[in-house]
């Protein structure tokens, strides 16, 4: 474990389960989370299953967490690239 020296840091307690969130957050093509009016929230990005609704819509059910591993890798790298360009 590595201590977190700087914040802000946010966390949730999550239990073990067979299901996952798929597409709960609306994002733009730079993976910025959008507010209720569709405007990007400054500094807030989301990747992986939390945004995969943009990628596949409602094609898969919420019980297939391994189906989007490729998108998890891509979207994480994409956000790192977007942030480093700013």
Protein backbone atom coordinates (compact mmCIF):
# COMPACT_ATOMS: atom_id res chain seq x y z
CA UNK A 1 0.00 0.00 0.00
CA UNK A 2 1.12 3.51 -0.81
CA UNK A 3 -0.04 6.42 1.38
CA UNK A 4 -1.99 9.23 -0.27
CA UNK A 5 -0.19 12.47 0.51
CA UNK A 6 -2.37 15.01 -1.34
CA UNK A 7 -6.08 15.48 -1.88
CA UNK A 8 -8.82 15.91 -2.42
CA UNK A 9 -9.43 12.17 -2.36
CA UNK A 10 -12.82 10.51 -2.43
CA UNK A 11 -13.64 6.87 -1.73
CA UNK A 12 -16.56 4.55 -1.30
CA UNK A 13 -16.81 1.21 0.44
CA UNK A 14 -17.69 -1.46 -2.09
CA UNK A 15 -18.56 -5.07 -1.44
CA UNK A 16 -17.88 -8.10 -3.57
CA UNK A 17 -20.56 -8.99 -6.07
CA UNK A 18 -21.28 -10.44 -9.46
CA UNK A 19 -22.62 -7.27 -11.03
CA UNK A 20 -21.18 -3.93 -12.05
CA UNK A 21 -22.26 -0.48 -13.15
CA UNK A 22 -22.40 -0.12 -16.91
CA UNK A 23 -22.83 3.36 -18.30
CA UNK A 24 -24.07 5.38 -15.37
CA UNK A 25 -22.22 8.59 -16.29
CA UNK A 26 -22.68 10.70 -19.40
CA UNK A 27 -19.39 11.77 -20.98
CA UNK A 28 -18.11 13.54 -24.07
CA UNK A 29 -15.44 12.24 -26.48
CA UNK A 30 -12.69 13.42 -24.10
CA UNK A 31 -14.23 11.33 -21.28
CA UNK A 32 -15.24 14.47 -19.35
CA UNK A 33 -18.27 13.84 -17.16
CA UNK A 34 -21.25 15.98 -18.25
CA UNK A 35 -23.65 17.78 -15.94
CA UNK A 36 -27.43 17.62 -16.31
CA UNK A 37 -27.30 20.34 -18.98
CA UNK A 38 -24.70 18.43 -21.02
CA UNK A 39 -21.79 20.71 -20.14
CA UNK A 40 -18.42 19.22 -19.10
CA UNK A 41 -17.65 19.32 -15.37
CA UNK A 42 -14.17 20.86 -15.13
CA UNK A 43 -11.54 18.38 -13.96
CA UNK A 44 -13.90 15.39 -13.74
CA UNK A 45 -13.22 12.44 -16.03
CA UNK A 46 -14.63 8.92 -16.02
CA UNK A 47 -13.36 5.72 -17.61
CA UNK A 48 -14.22 2.04 -17.96
CA UNK A 49 -17.58 0.53 -17.13
CA UNK A 50 -18.83 3.75 -15.55
CA UNK A 51 -18.91 5.33 -19.01
CA UNK A 52 -19.31 2.34 -21.30
CA UNK A 53 -22.92 3.24 -22.04
CA UNK A 54 -21.43 5.71 -24.52
CA UNK A 55 -19.63 2.83 -26.21
CA UNK A 56 -22.32 0.15 -26.37
CA UNK A 57 -25.53 1.70 -25.10
CA UNK A 58 -27.87 -0.94 -23.71
CA UNK A 59 -26.49 -3.81 -25.82
CA UNK A 60 -25.23 -5.81 -22.83
CA UNK A 61 -26.93 -6.49 -19.56
CA UNK A 62 -25.48 -5.26 -16.25
CA UNK A 63 -24.09 -8.69 -15.38
CA UNK A 64 -21.16 -8.88 -17.79
CA UNK A 65 -18.28 -6.98 -16.13
CA UNK A 66 -15.51 -8.64 -18.15
CA UNK A 67 -16.91 -7.64 -21.53
CA UNK A 68 -15.38 -4.17 -21.58
CA UNK A 69 -11.82 -4.75 -20.40
CA UNK A 70 -10.47 -3.28 -23.66
CA UNK A 71 -12.49 -0.11 -23.21
CA UNK A 72 -11.23 0.20 -19.63
CA UNK A 73 -7.63 0.17 -20.86
CA UNK A 74 -8.32 2.52 -23.77
CA UNK A 75 -10.38 5.07 -21.86
CA UNK A 76 -7.87 5.29 -19.00
CA UNK A 77 -5.01 5.93 -21.43
CA UNK A 78 -7.16 8.36 -23.43
CA UNK A 79 -7.91 10.49 -20.35
CA UNK A 80 -4.22 10.53 -19.42
CA UNK A 81 -3.43 11.78 -22.92
CA UNK A 82 -6.20 14.42 -22.81
CA UNK A 83 -5.01 15.74 -19.45
CA UNK A 84 -1.35 15.83 -20.52
CA UNK A 85 -2.27 17.88 -23.62
CA UNK A 86 -3.92 20.63 -21.50
